[in-house]
Amino acid sequence: MATVKRFEDLRCWQKARVLTAKVYSMSKQGELAKDYDTRSQFRSAGLSVMNNIAEGFGRFSNRDFIKFLDYSAASCTEVKSMTYLMLDLEYFSTEIIKELQDEIEEVKASILAFIKYLRKMDK
């Protein structure tokens, strides 16, 4: 693995950044833009994916970093859960939701792979 000096160098953070931008973009559209509570929670969860990676990077141990990466992965699950509500409320088409869910799973997989790597480094 290449030397990482900044959280911006982490592939999982880069993917999370793209996901967060998509969450914010979607939150400005259609009925979701008018549903303030759901929109706020959706944005908060999406932002948490990205920010927990950055915050964990600033910690002094891999153990602490892994804890924040775990929070980030959990936030991915929260964002995905919210997509089902948006599907049920017909805020977006099935195709758009499926595309977002796939992206969420890709980000989560990247985070989990990084956690695995860090755990291996600690052994």
PDB file of N, CA and C in Angstrom:
ATOM      1  N   MET A   1       0.844  -1.178   0.000  1.00  0.00           N
ATOM      2  CA  MET A   1       0.000   0.000   0.000  1.00  0.00           C
ATOM      3  C   MET A   1       0.887   1.238   0.000  1.00  0.00           C
ATOM      4  N   ALA A   2       0.509   2.203  -0.775  1.00  0.00           N
ATOM      5  CA  ALA A   2       1.260   3.463  -0.828  1.00  0.00           C
ATOM      6  C   ALA A   2       1.153   4.173   0.516  1.00  0.00           C
ATOM      7  N   THR A   3       2.154   4.974   0.826  1.00  0.00           N
ATOM      8  CA  THR A   3       2.140   5.718   2.074  1.00  0.00           C
ATOM      9  C   THR A   3       1.012   6.747   2.051  1.00  0.00           C
ATOM     10  N   VAL A   4       0.250   6.733   3.108  1.00  0.00           N
ATOM     11  CA  VAL A   4      -0.869   7.661   3.244  1.00  0.00           C
ATOM     12  C   VAL A   4      -0.474   8.699   4.283  1.00  0.00           C
ATOM     13  N   LYS A   5      -0.463   9.941   3.874  1.00  0.00           N
ATOM     14  CA  LYS A   5      -0.087  11.018   4.781  1.00  0.00           C
ATOM     15  C   LYS A   5      -1.287  11.869   5.188  1.00  0.00           C
ATOM     16  N   ARG A   6      -2.361  11.795   4.408  1.00  0.00           N
ATOM     17  CA  ARG A   6      -3.552  12.604   4.666  1.00  0.00           C
ATOM     18  C   ARG A   6      -4.784  11.720   4.484  1.00  0.00           C
ATOM     19  N   PHE A   7      -5.838  12.046   5.193  1.00  0.00           N
ATOM     20  CA  PHE A   7      -7.054  11.240   5.034  1.00  0.00           C
ATOM     21  C   PHE A   7      -7.589  11.325   3.608  1.00  0.00           C
ATOM     22  N   GLU A   8      -7.292  12.424   2.931  1.00  0.00           N
ATOM     23  CA  GLU A   8      -7.752  12.595   1.548  1.00  0.00           C
ATOM     24  C   GLU A   8      -7.139  11.561   0.597  1.00  0.00           C
ATOM     25  N   ASP A   9      -6.041  10.933   1.025  1.00  0.00           N
ATOM     26  CA  ASP A   9      -5.393   9.909   0.206  1.00  0.00           C
ATOM     27  C   ASP A   9      -6.081   8.555   0.299  1.00  0.00           C
ATOM     28  N   LEU A  10      -6.934   8.373   1.283  1.00  0.00           N
ATOM     29  CA  LEU A  10      -7.596   7.087   1.485  1.00  0.00           C
ATOM     30  C   LEU A  10      -8.686   6.856   0.433  1.00  0.00           C
ATOM     31  N   ARG A  11      -8.621   5.729  -0.216  1.00  0.00           N
ATOM     32  CA  ARG A  11      -9.611   5.403  -1.248  1.00  0.00           C
ATOM     33  C   ARG A  11     -11.023   5.343  -0.657  1.00  0.00           C
ATOM     34  N   CYS A  12     -11.148   4.788   0.552  1.00  0.00           N
ATOM     35  CA  CYS A  12     -12.482   4.696   1.159  1.00  0.00           C
ATOM     36  C   CYS A  12     -13.049   6.096   1.435  1.00  0.00           C
ATOM     37  N   TRP A  13     -12.197   7.058   1.829  1.00  0.00           N
ATOM     38  CA  TRP A  13     -12.681   8.418   2.049  1.00  0.00           C
ATOM     39  C   TRP A  13     -13.086   9.056   0.717  1.00  0.00           C
ATOM     40  N   GLN A  14     -12.298   8.826  -0.321  1.00  0.00           N
ATOM     41  CA  GLN A  14     -12.619   9.375  -1.643  1.00  0.00           C
ATOM     42  C   GLN A  14     -13.972   8.866  -2.128  1.00  0.00           C
ATOM     43  N   LYS A  15     -14.214   7.573  -1.944  1.00  0.00           N
ATOM     44  CA  LYS A  15     -15.505   6.995  -2.346  1.00  0.00           C
ATOM     45  C   LYS A  15     -16.635   7.548  -1.473  1.00  0.00           C
ATOM     46  N   ALA A  16     -16.370   7.711  -0.184  1.00  0.00           N
ATOM     47  CA  ALA A  16     -17.371   8.262   0.724  1.00  0.00           C
ATOM     48  C   ALA A  16     -17.706   9.702   0.352  1.00  0.00           C
ATOM     49  N   ARG A  17     -16.714  10.436  -0.092  1.00  0.00           N
ATOM     50  CA  ARG A  17     -16.943  11.825  -0.511  1.00  0.00           C
ATOM     51  C   ARG A  17     -17.906  11.882  -1.692  1.00  0.00           C
ATOM     52  N   VAL A  18     -17.706  11.001  -2.652  1.00  0.00           N
ATOM     53  CA  VAL A  18     -18.596  10.945  -3.812  1.00  0.00           C
ATOM     54  C   VAL A  18     -20.014  10.565  -3.372  1.00  0.00           C
ATOM     55  N   LEU A  19     -20.112   9.583  -2.476  1.00  0.00           N
ATOM     56  CA  LEU A  19     -21.420   9.176  -1.964  1.00  0.00           C
ATOM     57  C   LEU A  19     -22.107  10.336  -1.238  1.00  0.00           C
ATOM     58  N   THR A  20     -21.377  11.039  -0.420  1.00  0.00           N
ATOM     59  CA  THR A  20     -21.945  12.165   0.327  1.00  0.00           C
ATOM     60  C   THR A  20     -22.465  13.244  -0.613  1.00  0.00           C
ATOM     61  N   ALA A  21     -21.710  13.534  -1.650  1.00  0.00           N
ATOM     62  CA  ALA A  21     -22.165  14.530  -2.635  1.00  0.00           C
ATOM     63  C   ALA A  21     -23.455  14.059  -3.311  1.00  0.00           C
ATOM     64  N   LYS A  22     -23.548  12.761  -3.583  1.00  0.00           N
ATOM     65  CA  LYS A  22     -24.757  12.228  -4.213  1.00  0.00           C
ATOM     66  C   LYS A  22     -25.946  12.329  -3.254  1.00  0.00           C
ATOM     67  N   VAL A  23     -25.728  12.025  -1.984  1.00  0.00           N
ATOM     68  CA  VAL A  23     -26.782  12.146  -0.982  1.00  0.00           C
ATOM     69  C   VAL A  23     -27.286  13.586  -0.930  1.00  0.00           C
ATOM     70  N   TYR A  24     -26.368  14.531  -0.886  1.00  0.00           N
ATOM     71  CA  TYR A  24     -26.766  15.941  -0.837  1.00  0.00           C
ATOM     72  C   TYR A  24     -27.512  16.352  -2.110  1.00  0.00           C
ATOM     73  N   SER A  25     -27.045  15.879  -3.235  1.00  0.00           N
ATOM     74  CA  SER A  25     -27.710  16.204  -4.494  1.00  0.00           C
ATOM     75  C   SER A  25     -29.135  15.643  -4.525  1.00  0.00           C
ATOM     76  N   MET A  26     -29.274  14.384  -4.119  1.00  0.00           N
ATOM     77  CA  MET A  26     -30.597  13.762  -4.112  1.00  0.00           C
ATOM     78  C   MET A  26     -31.533  14.468  -3.133  1.00  0.00           C
ATOM     79  N   SER A  27     -30.976  14.969  -2.036  1.00  0.00           N
ATOM     80  CA  SER A  27     -31.819  15.594  -1.014  1.00  0.00           C
ATOM     81  C   SER A  27     -32.426  16.916  -1.486  1.00  0.00           C
ATOM     82  N   LYS A  28     -31.945  17.435  -2.585  1.00  0.00           N
ATOM     83  CA  LYS A  28     -32.486  18.681  -3.144  1.00  0.00           C
ATOM     84  C   LYS A  28     -33.592  18.424  -4.165  1.00  0.00           C
ATOM     85  N   GLN A  29     -33.896  17.140  -4.400  1.00  0.00           N
ATOM     86  CA  GLN A  29     -34.810  16.790  -5.482  1.00  0.00           C
ATOM     87  C   GLN A  29     -36.180  16.349  -4.972  1.00  0.00           C
ATOM     88  N   GLY A  30     -37.191  16.672  -5.759  1.00  0.00           N
ATOM     89  CA  GLY A  30     -38.538  16.142  -5.573  1.00  0.00           C
ATOM     90  C   GLY A  30     -39.108  16.277  -4.180  1.00  0.00           C
ATOM     91  N   GLU A  31     -39.831  15.255  -3.789  1.00  0.00           N
ATOM     92  CA  GLU A  31     -40.509  15.243  -2.498  1.00  0.00           C
ATOM     93  C   GLU A  31     -39.536  15.223  -1.321  1.00  0.00           C
ATOM     94  N   LEU A  32     -38.370  14.635  -1.513  1.00  0.00           N
ATOM     95  CA  LEU A  32     -37.396  14.589  -0.428  1.00  0.00           C
ATOM     96  C   LEU A  32     -36.982  15.998  -0.014  1.00  0.00           C
ATOM     97  N   ALA A  33     -36.893  16.896  -0.961  1.00  0.00           N
ATOM     98  CA  ALA A  33     -36.517  18.279  -0.650  1.00  0.00           C
ATOM     99  C   ALA A  33     -37.519  18.935   0.289  1.00  0.00           C
ATOM    100  N   LYS A  34     -38.768  18.469   0.273  1.00  0.00           N
ATOM    101  CA  LYS A  34     -39.824  19.041   1.113  1.00  0.00           C
ATOM    102  C   LYS A  34     -39.984  18.306   2.443  1.00  0.00           C
ATOM    103  N   ASP A  35     -39.432  17.110   2.530  1.00  0.00           N
ATOM    104  CA  ASP A  35     -39.539  16.286   3.740  1.00  0.00           C
ATOM    105  C   ASP A  35     -38.325  16.589   4.614  1.00  0.00           C
ATOM    106  N   TYR A  36     -38.440  17.643   5.410  1.00  0.00           N
ATOM    107  CA  TYR A  36     -37.281  18.183   6.123  1.00  0.00           C
ATOM    108  C   TYR A  36     -36.646  17.193   7.094  1.00  0.00           C
ATOM    109  N   ASP A  37     -37.442  16.439   7.814  1.00  0.00           N
ATOM    110  CA  ASP A  37     -36.883  15.488   8.776  1.00  0.00           C
ATOM    111  C   ASP A  37     -36.094  14.387   8.081  1.00  0.00           C
ATOM    112  N   THR A  38     -36.692  13.790   7.068  1.00  0.00           N
ATOM    113  CA  THR A  38     -36.018  12.709   6.347  1.00  0.00           C
ATOM    114  C   THR A  38     -34.790  13.243   5.619  1.00  0.00           C
ATOM    115  N   ARG A  39     -34.939  14.389   5.005  1.00  0.00           N
ATOM    116  CA  ARG A  39     -33.811  14.999   4.295  1.00  0.00           C
ATOM    117  C   ARG A  39     -32.648  15.266   5.241  1.00  0.00           C
ATOM    118  N   SER A  40     -32.940  15.805   6.399  1.00  0.00           N
ATOM    119  CA  SER A  40     -31.900  16.108   7.376  1.00  0.00           C
ATOM    120  C   SER A  40     -31.196  14.837   7.856  1.00  0.00           C
ATOM    121  N   GLN A  41     -31.964  13.807   8.155  1.00  0.00           N
ATOM    122  CA  GLN A  41     -31.378  12.554   8.621  1.00  0.00           C
ATOM    123  C   GLN A  41     -30.548  11.896   7.519  1.00  0.00           C
ATOM    124  N   PHE A  42     -31.029  11.938   6.294  1.00  0.00           N
ATOM    125  CA  PHE A  42     -30.329  11.372   5.144  1.00  0.00           C
ATOM    126  C   PHE A  42     -28.990  12.072   4.951  1.00  0.00           C
ATOM    127  N   ARG A  43     -29.001  13.394   5.012  1.00  0.00           N
ATOM    128  CA  ARG A  43     -27.762  14.159   4.874  1.00  0.00           C
ATOM    129  C   ARG A  43     -26.798  13.877   6.025  1.00  0.00           C
ATOM    130  N   SER A  44     -27.329  13.846   7.216  1.00  0.00           N
ATOM    131  CA  SER A  44     -26.494  13.602   8.397  1.00  0.00           C
ATOM    132  C   SER A  44     -25.807  12.236   8.317  1.00  0.00           C
ATOM    133  N   ALA A  45     -26.562  11.225   7.962  1.00  0.00           N
ATOM    134  CA  ALA A  45     -25.989   9.880   7.845  1.00  0.00           C
ATOM    135  C   ALA A  45     -24.952   9.835   6.726  1.00  0.00           C
ATOM    136  N   GLY A  46     -25.263  10.453   5.597  1.00  0.00           N
ATOM    137  CA  GLY A  46     -24.315  10.475   4.481  1.00  0.00           C
ATOM    138  C   GLY A  46     -23.029  11.202   4.848  1.00  0.00           C
ATOM    139  N   LEU A  47     -23.158  12.312   5.526  1.00  0.00           N
ATOM    140  CA  LEU A  47     -21.989  13.084   5.940  1.00  0.00           C
ATOM    141  C   LEU A  47     -21.163  12.317   6.967  1.00  0.00           C
ATOM    142  N   SER A  48     -21.832  11.565   7.799  1.00  0.00           N
ATOM    143  CA  SER A  48     -21.157  10.772   8.824  1.00  0.00           C
ATOM    144  C   SER A  48     -20.240   9.708   8.206  1.00  0.00           C
ATOM    145  N   VAL A  49     -20.627   9.173   7.070  1.00  0.00           N
ATOM    146  CA  VAL A  49     -19.785   8.177   6.390  1.00  0.00           C
ATOM    147  C   VAL A  49     -18.413   8.786   6.112  1.00  0.00           C
ATOM    148  N   MET A  50     -18.404   9.943   5.520  1.00  0.00           N
ATOM    149  CA  MET A  50     -17.172  10.616   5.127  1.00  0.00           C
ATOM    150  C   MET A  50     -16.401  11.154   6.332  1.00  0.00           C
ATOM    151  N   ASN A  51     -17.099  11.814   7.231  1.00  0.00           N
ATOM    152  CA  ASN A  51     -16.427  12.485   8.337  1.00  0.00           C
ATOM    153  C   ASN A  51     -15.848  11.534   9.376  1.00  0.00           C
ATOM    154  N   ASN A  52     -16.467  10.390   9.585  1.00  0.00           N
ATOM    155  CA  ASN A  52     -15.904   9.446  10.542  1.00  0.00           C
ATOM    156  C   ASN A  52     -14.583   8.856  10.049  1.00  0.00           C
ATOM    157  N   ILE A  53     -14.439   8.703   8.762  1.00  0.00           N
ATOM    158  CA  ILE A  53     -13.148   8.247   8.224  1.00  0.00           C
ATOM    159  C   ILE A  53     -12.081   9.301   8.516  1.00  0.00           C
ATOM    160  N   ALA A  54     -12.405  10.553   8.249  1.00  0.00           N
ATOM    161  CA  ALA A  54     -11.453  11.641   8.495  1.00  0.00           C
ATOM    162  C   ALA A  54     -11.134  11.759   9.981  1.00  0.00           C
ATOM    163  N   GLU A  55     -12.162  11.698  10.818  1.00  0.00           N
ATOM    164  CA  GLU A  55     -11.929  11.829  12.252  1.00  0.00           C
ATOM    165  C   GLU A  55     -11.078  10.669  12.782  1.00  0.00           C
ATOM    166  N   GLY A  56     -11.361   9.477  12.324  1.00  0.00           N
ATOM    167  CA  GLY A  56     -10.573   8.323  12.747  1.00  0.00           C
ATOM    168  C   GLY A  56      -9.122   8.416  12.328  1.00  0.00           C
ATOM    169  N   PHE A  57      -8.893   8.990  11.158  1.00  0.00           N
ATOM    170  CA  PHE A  57      -7.524   9.174  10.670  1.00  0.00           C
ATOM    171  C   PHE A  57      -6.717  10.041  11.632  1.00  0.00           C
ATOM    172  N   GLY A  58      -7.372  10.983  12.273  1.00  0.00           N
ATOM    173  CA  GLY A  58      -6.707  11.885  13.195  1.00  0.00           C
ATOM    174  C   GLY A  58      -6.438  11.284  14.568  1.00  0.00           C
ATOM    175  N   ARG A  59      -6.852  10.062  14.783  1.00  0.00           N
ATOM    176  CA  ARG A  59      -6.615   9.398  16.068  1.00  0.00           C
ATOM    177  C   ARG A  59      -5.198   8.853  16.119  1.00  0.00           C
ATOM    178  N   PHE A  60      -4.768   8.487  17.318  1.00  0.00           N
ATOM    179  CA  PHE A  60      -3.374   8.115  17.520  1.00  0.00           C
ATOM    180  C   PHE A  60      -3.100   6.620  17.472  1.00  0.00           C
ATOM    181  N   SER A  61      -4.123   5.826  17.301  1.00  0.00           N
ATOM    182  CA  SER A  61      -3.895   4.379  17.231  1.00  0.00           C
ATOM    183  C   SER A  61      -4.799   3.757  16.173  1.00  0.00           C
ATOM    184  N   ASN A  62      -4.344   2.635  15.640  1.00  0.00           N
ATOM    185  CA  ASN A  62      -5.177   1.908  14.685  1.00  0.00           C
ATOM    186  C   ASN A  62      -6.476   1.450  15.339  1.00  0.00           C
ATOM    187  N   ARG A  63      -6.397   1.114  16.626  1.00  0.00           N
ATOM    188  CA  ARG A  63      -7.599   0.663  17.329  1.00  0.00           C
ATOM    189  C   ARG A  63      -8.669   1.760  17.321  1.00  0.00           C
ATOM    190  N   ASP A  64      -8.272   2.981  17.631  1.00  0.00           N
ATOM    191  CA  ASP A  64      -9.225   4.094  17.588  1.00  0.00           C
ATOM    192  C   ASP A  64      -9.699   4.362  16.160  1.00  0.00           C
ATOM    193  N   PHE A  65      -8.776   4.287  15.218  1.00  0.00           N
ATOM    194  CA  PHE A  65      -9.129   4.516  13.818  1.00  0.00           C
ATOM    195  C   PHE A  65     -10.175   3.495  13.377  1.00  0.00           C
ATOM    196  N   ILE A  66      -9.959   2.246  13.726  1.00  0.00           N
ATOM    197  CA  ILE A  66     -10.897   1.183  13.348  1.00  0.00           C
ATOM    198  C   ILE A  66     -12.282   1.447  13.932  1.00  0.00           C
ATOM    199  N   LYS A  67     -12.331   1.964  15.157  1.00  0.00           N
ATOM    200  CA  LYS A  67     -13.613   2.287  15.780  1.00  0.00           C
ATOM    201  C   LYS A  67     -14.383   3.298  14.924  1.00  0.00           C
ATOM    202  N   PHE A  68     -13.695   4.321  14.449  1.00  0.00           N
ATOM    203  CA  PHE A  68     -14.361   5.334  13.624  1.00  0.00           C
ATOM    204  C   PHE A  68     -14.706   4.798  12.231  1.00  0.00           C
ATOM    205  N   LEU A  69     -13.870   3.922  11.712  1.00  0.00           N
ATOM    206  CA  LEU A  69     -14.207   3.282  10.436  1.00  0.00           C
ATOM    207  C   LEU A  69     -15.458   2.422  10.595  1.00  0.00           C
ATOM    208  N   ASP A  70     -15.582   1.777  11.745  1.00  0.00           N
ATOM    209  CA  ASP A  70     -16.776   0.986  12.035  1.00  0.00           C
ATOM    210  C   ASP A  70     -18.018   1.883  12.080  1.00  0.00           C
ATOM    211  N   TYR A  71     -17.893   3.062  12.689  1.00  0.00           N
ATOM    212  CA  TYR A  71     -19.007   4.017  12.696  1.00  0.00           C
ATOM    213  C   TYR A  71     -19.374   4.414  11.260  1.00  0.00           C
ATOM    214  N   SER A  72     -18.358   4.613  10.453  1.00  0.00           N
ATOM    215  CA  SER A  72     -18.573   5.000   9.065  1.00  0.00           C
ATOM    216  C   SER A  72     -19.325   3.903   8.302  1.00  0.00           C
ATOM    217  N   ALA A  73     -18.916   2.663   8.504  1.00  0.00           N
ATOM    218  CA  ALA A  73     -19.598   1.538   7.849  1.00  0.00           C
ATOM    219  C   ALA A  73     -21.047   1.448   8.332  1.00  0.00           C
ATOM    220  N   ALA A  74     -21.259   1.679   9.631  1.00  0.00           N
ATOM    221  CA  ALA A  74     -22.622   1.661  10.166  1.00  0.00           C
ATOM    222  C   ALA A  74     -23.466   2.775   9.559  1.00  0.00           C
ATOM    223  N   SER A  75     -22.861   3.913   9.321  1.00  0.00           N
ATOM    224  CA  SER A  75     -23.590   5.012   8.674  1.00  0.00           C
ATOM    225  C   SER A  75     -23.972   4.653   7.248  1.00  0.00           C
ATOM    226  N   CYS A  76     -23.148   3.882   6.582  1.00  0.00           N
ATOM    227  CA  CYS A  76     -23.522   3.377   5.252  1.00  0.00           C
ATOM    228  C   CYS A  76     -24.814   2.572   5.346  1.00  0.00           C
ATOM    229  N   THR A  77     -24.891   1.730   6.374  1.00  0.00           N
ATOM    230  CA  THR A  77     -26.086   0.915   6.568  1.00  0.00           C
ATOM    231  C   THR A  77     -27.299   1.791   6.845  1.00  0.00           C
ATOM    232  N   GLU A  78     -27.098   2.866   7.616  1.00  0.00           N
ATOM    233  CA  GLU A  78     -28.202   3.794   7.888  1.00  0.00           C
ATOM    234  C   GLU A  78     -28.674   4.476   6.603  1.00  0.00           C
ATOM    235  N   VAL A  79     -27.736   4.925   5.783  1.00  0.00           N
ATOM    236  CA  VAL A  79     -28.112   5.556   4.509  1.00  0.00           C
ATOM    237  C   VAL A  79     -28.878   4.562   3.649  1.00  0.00           C
ATOM    238  N   LYS A  80     -28.411   3.321   3.608  1.00  0.00           N
ATOM    239  CA  LYS A  80     -29.100   2.302   2.803  1.00  0.00           C
ATOM    240  C   LYS A  80     -30.505   2.049   3.343  1.00  0.00           C
ATOM    241  N   SER A  81     -30.657   1.984   4.659  1.00  0.00           N
ATOM    242  CA  SER A  81     -31.979   1.794   5.247  1.00  0.00           C
ATOM    243  C   SER A  81     -32.928   2.910   4.816  1.00  0.00           C
ATOM    244  N   MET A  82     -32.418   4.112   4.789  1.00  0.00           N
ATOM    245  CA  MET A  82     -33.249   5.250   4.398  1.00  0.00           C
ATOM    246  C   MET A  82     -33.681   5.178   2.941  1.00  0.00           C
ATOM    247  N   THR A  83     -32.878   4.524   2.111  1.00  0.00           N
ATOM    248  CA  THR A  83     -33.267   4.395   0.698  1.00  0.00           C
ATOM    249  C   THR A  83     -34.543   3.579   0.554  1.00  0.00           C
ATOM    250  N   TYR A  84     -34.774   2.643   1.474  1.00  0.00           N
ATOM    251  CA  TYR A  84     -36.011   1.853   1.413  1.00  0.00           C
ATOM    252  C   TYR A  84     -37.228   2.704   1.741  1.00  0.00           C
ATOM    253  N   LEU A  85     -37.070   3.623   2.687  1.00  0.00           N
ATOM    254  CA  LEU A  85     -38.157   4.548   2.972  1.00  0.00           C
ATOM    255  C   LEU A  85     -38.451   5.398   1.739  1.00  0.00           C
ATOM    256  N   MET A  86     -37.401   5.893   1.111  1.00  0.00           N
ATOM    257  CA  MET A  86     -37.588   6.729  -0.081  1.00  0.00           C
ATOM    258  C   MET A  86     -38.231   5.946  -1.218  1.00  0.00           C
ATOM    259  N   LEU A  87     -37.908   4.673  -1.291  1.00  0.00           N
ATOM    260  CA  LEU A  87     -38.537   3.802  -2.294  1.00  0.00           C
ATOM    261  C   LEU A  87     -40.012   3.606  -1.951  1.00  0.00           C
ATOM    262  N   ASP A  88     -40.294   3.306  -0.678  1.00  0.00           N
ATOM    263  CA  ASP A  88     -41.674   3.087  -0.238  1.00  0.00           C
ATOM    264  C   ASP A  88     -42.535   4.332  -0.419  1.00  0.00           C
ATOM    265  N   LEU A  89     -41.946   5.496  -0.210  1.00  0.00           N
ATOM    266  CA  LEU A  89     -42.678   6.755  -0.360  1.00  0.00           C
ATOM    267  C   LEU A  89     -42.685   7.257  -1.803  1.00  0.00           C
ATOM    268  N   GLU A  90     -42.019   6.505  -2.662  1.00  0.00           N
ATOM    269  CA  GLU A  90     -41.932   6.825  -4.099  1.00  0.00           C
ATOM    270  C   GLU A  90     -41.290   8.184  -4.351  1.00  0.00           C
ATOM    271  N   TYR A  91     -40.261   8.496  -3.541  1.00  0.00           N
ATOM    272  CA  TYR A  91     -39.512   9.728  -3.760  1.00  0.00           C
ATOM    273  C   TYR A  91     -38.601   9.613  -4.979  1.00  0.00           C
ATOM    274  N   PHE A  92     -38.129   8.390  -5.252  1.00  0.00           N
ATOM    275  CA  PHE A  92     -37.244   8.129  -6.388  1.00  0.00           C
ATOM    276  C   PHE A  92     -37.643   6.800  -7.023  1.00  0.00           C
ATOM    277  N   SER A  93     -37.231   6.625  -8.254  1.00  0.00           N
ATOM    278  CA  SER A  93     -37.525   5.384  -8.959  1.00  0.00           C
ATOM    279  C   SER A  93     -36.699   4.233  -8.396  1.00  0.00           C
ATOM    280  N   THR A  94     -37.148   3.043  -8.655  1.00  0.00           N
ATOM    281  CA  THR A  94     -36.429   1.841  -8.238  1.00  0.00           C
ATOM    282  C   THR A  94     -35.017   1.838  -8.805  1.00  0.00           C
ATOM    283  N   GLU A  95     -34.849   2.281 -10.033  1.00  0.00           N
ATOM    284  CA  GLU A  95     -33.535   2.293 -10.677  1.00  0.00           C
ATOM    285  C   GLU A  95     -32.563   3.235  -9.964  1.00  0.00           C
ATOM    286  N   ILE A  96     -33.036   4.396  -9.615  1.00  0.00           N
ATOM    287  CA  ILE A  96     -32.188   5.376  -8.920  1.00  0.00           C
ATOM    288  C   ILE A  96     -31.805   4.854  -7.539  1.00  0.00           C
ATOM    289  N   ILE A  97     -32.767   4.282  -6.834  1.00  0.00           N
ATOM    290  CA  ILE A  97     -32.491   3.728  -5.501  1.00  0.00           C
ATOM    291  C   ILE A  97     -31.512   2.572  -5.599  1.00  0.00           C
ATOM    292  N   LYS A  98     -31.699   1.699  -6.568  1.00  0.00           N
ATOM    293  CA  LYS A  98     -30.798   0.549  -6.737  1.00  0.00           C
ATOM    294  C   LYS A  98     -29.372   1.028  -7.024  1.00  0.00           C
ATOM    295  N   GLU A  99     -29.231   2.031  -7.855  1.00  0.00           N
ATOM    296  CA  GLU A  99     -27.920   2.595  -8.168  1.00  0.00           C
ATOM    297  C   GLU A  99     -27.251   3.155  -6.906  1.00  0.00           C
ATOM    298  N   LEU A 100     -28.031   3.869  -6.099  1.00  0.00           N
ATOM    299  CA  LEU A 100     -27.491   4.418  -4.857  1.00  0.00           C
ATOM    300  C   LEU A 100     -27.127   3.293  -3.885  1.00  0.00           C
ATOM    301  N   GLN A 101     -27.967   2.288  -3.769  1.00  0.00           N
ATOM    302  CA  GLN A 101     -27.678   1.163  -2.877  1.00  0.00           C
ATOM    303  C   GLN A 101     -26.396   0.447  -3.286  1.00  0.00           C
ATOM    304  N   ASP A 102     -26.191   0.281  -4.579  1.00  0.00           N
ATOM    305  CA  ASP A 102     -24.956  -0.347  -5.058  1.00  0.00           C
ATOM    306  C   ASP A 102     -23.740   0.490  -4.688  1.00  0.00           C
ATOM    307  N   GLU A 103     -23.867   1.795  -4.824  1.00  0.00           N
ATOM    308  CA  GLU A 103     -22.769   2.695  -4.466  1.00  0.00           C
ATOM    309  C   GLU A 103     -22.487   2.639  -2.962  1.00  0.00           C
ATOM    310  N   ILE A 104     -23.541   2.590  -2.180  1.00  0.00           N
ATOM    311  CA  ILE A 104     -23.384   2.481  -0.725  1.00  0.00           C
ATOM    312  C   ILE A 104     -22.626   1.207  -0.382  1.00  0.00           C
ATOM    313  N   GLU A 105     -23.014   0.097  -0.989  1.00  0.00           N
ATOM    314  CA  GLU A 105     -22.350  -1.185  -0.712  1.00  0.00           C
ATOM    315  C   GLU A 105     -20.883  -1.160  -1.136  1.00  0.00           C
ATOM    316  N   GLU A 106     -20.586  -0.465  -2.205  1.00  0.00           N
ATOM    317  CA  GLU A 106     -19.199  -0.336  -2.655  1.00  0.00           C
ATOM    318  C   GLU A 106     -18.365   0.462  -1.645  1.00  0.00           C
ATOM    319  N   VAL A 107     -18.932   1.543  -1.149  1.00  0.00           N
ATOM    320  CA  VAL A 107     -18.236   2.351  -0.141  1.00  0.00           C
ATOM    321  C   VAL A 107     -18.031   1.524   1.122  1.00  0.00           C
ATOM    322  N   LYS A 108     -19.073   0.845   1.566  1.00  0.00           N
ATOM    323  CA  LYS A 108     -18.983   0.034   2.775  1.00  0.00           C
ATOM    324  C   LYS A 108     -17.938  -1.066   2.619  1.00  0.00           C
ATOM    325  N   ALA A 109     -17.903  -1.720   1.470  1.00  0.00           N
ATOM    326  CA  ALA A 109     -16.911  -2.762   1.223  1.00  0.00           C
ATOM    327  C   ALA A 109     -15.494  -2.197   1.283  1.00  0.00           C
ATOM    328  N   SER A 110     -15.311  -1.005   0.765  1.00  0.00           N
ATOM    329  CA  SER A 110     -14.002  -0.358   0.800  1.00  0.00           C
ATOM    330  C   SER A 110     -13.578  -0.065   2.244  1.00  0.00           C
ATOM    331  N   ILE A 111     -14.511   0.397   3.041  1.00  0.00           N
ATOM    332  CA  ILE A 111     -14.226   0.675   4.453  1.00  0.00           C
ATOM    333  C   ILE A 111     -13.887  -0.613   5.190  1.00  0.00           C
ATOM    334  N   LEU A 112     -14.681  -1.650   4.967  1.00  0.00           N
ATOM    335  CA  LEU A 112     -14.446  -2.922   5.648  1.00  0.00           C
ATOM    336  C   LEU A 112     -13.118  -3.561   5.227  1.00  0.00           C
ATOM    337  N   ALA A 113     -12.750  -3.399   3.969  1.00  0.00           N
ATOM    338  CA  ALA A 113     -11.453  -3.907   3.504  1.00  0.00           C
ATOM    339  C   ALA A 113     -10.318  -3.159   4.199  1.00  0.00           C
ATOM    340  N   PHE A 114     -10.489  -1.876   4.393  1.00  0.00           N
ATOM    341  CA  PHE A 114      -9.464  -1.082   5.077  1.00  0.00           C
ATOM    342  C   PHE A 114      -9.360  -1.484   6.548  1.00  0.00           C
ATOM    343  N   ILE A 115     -10.498  -1.747   7.183  1.00  0.00           N
ATOM    344  CA  ILE A 115     -10.485  -2.235   8.566  1.00  0.00           C
ATOM    345  C   ILE A 115      -9.707  -3.544   8.645  1.00  0.00           C
ATOM    346  N   LYS A 116      -9.970  -4.425   7.723  1.00  0.00           N
ATOM    347  CA  LYS A 116      -9.257  -5.720   7.689  1.00  0.00           C
ATOM    348  C   LYS A 116      -7.759  -5.510   7.546  1.00  0.00           C
ATOM    349  N   TYR A 117      -7.380  -4.607   6.682  1.00  0.00           N
ATOM    350  CA  TYR A 117      -5.966  -4.280   6.478  1.00  0.00           C
ATOM    351  C   TYR A 117      -5.325  -3.753   7.775  1.00  0.00           C
ATOM    352  N   LEU A 118      -5.998  -2.827   8.438  1.00  0.00           N
ATOM    353  CA  LEU A 118      -5.471  -2.252   9.667  1.00  0.00           C
ATOM    354  C   LEU A 118      -5.346  -3.291  10.767  1.00  0.00           C
ATOM    355  N   ARG A 119      -6.306  -4.181  10.841  1.00  0.00           N
ATOM    356  CA  ARG A 119      -6.233  -5.254  11.854  1.00  0.00           C
ATOM    357  C   ARG A 119      -5.050  -6.174  11.585  1.00  0.00           C
ATOM    358  N   LYS A 120      -4.816  -6.438  10.329  1.00  0.00           N
ATOM    359  CA  LYS A 120      -3.672  -7.285   9.965  1.00  0.00           C
ATOM    360  C   LYS A 120      -2.356  -6.589  10.326  1.00  0.00           C
ATOM    361  N   MET A 121      -2.325  -5.267  10.143  1.00  0.00           N
ATOM    362  CA  MET A 121      -1.115  -4.501  10.465  1.00  0.00           C
ATOM    363  C   MET A 121      -0.820  -4.509  11.965  1.00  0.00           C
ATOM    364  N   ASP A 122      -1.860  -4.616  12.774  1.00  0.00           N
ATOM    365  CA  ASP A 122      -1.688  -4.623  14.231  1.00  0.00           C
ATOM    366  C   ASP A 122      -1.178  -5.955  14.766  1.00  0.00           C
ATOM    367  N   LYS A 123      -1.251  -6.977  13.984  1.00  0.00           N
ATOM    368  CA  LYS A 123      -0.831  -8.310  14.461  1.00  0.00           C
ATOM    369  C   LYS A 123       0.662  -8.473  14.389  1.00  0.00           C
TER     370      LYS A 123
END
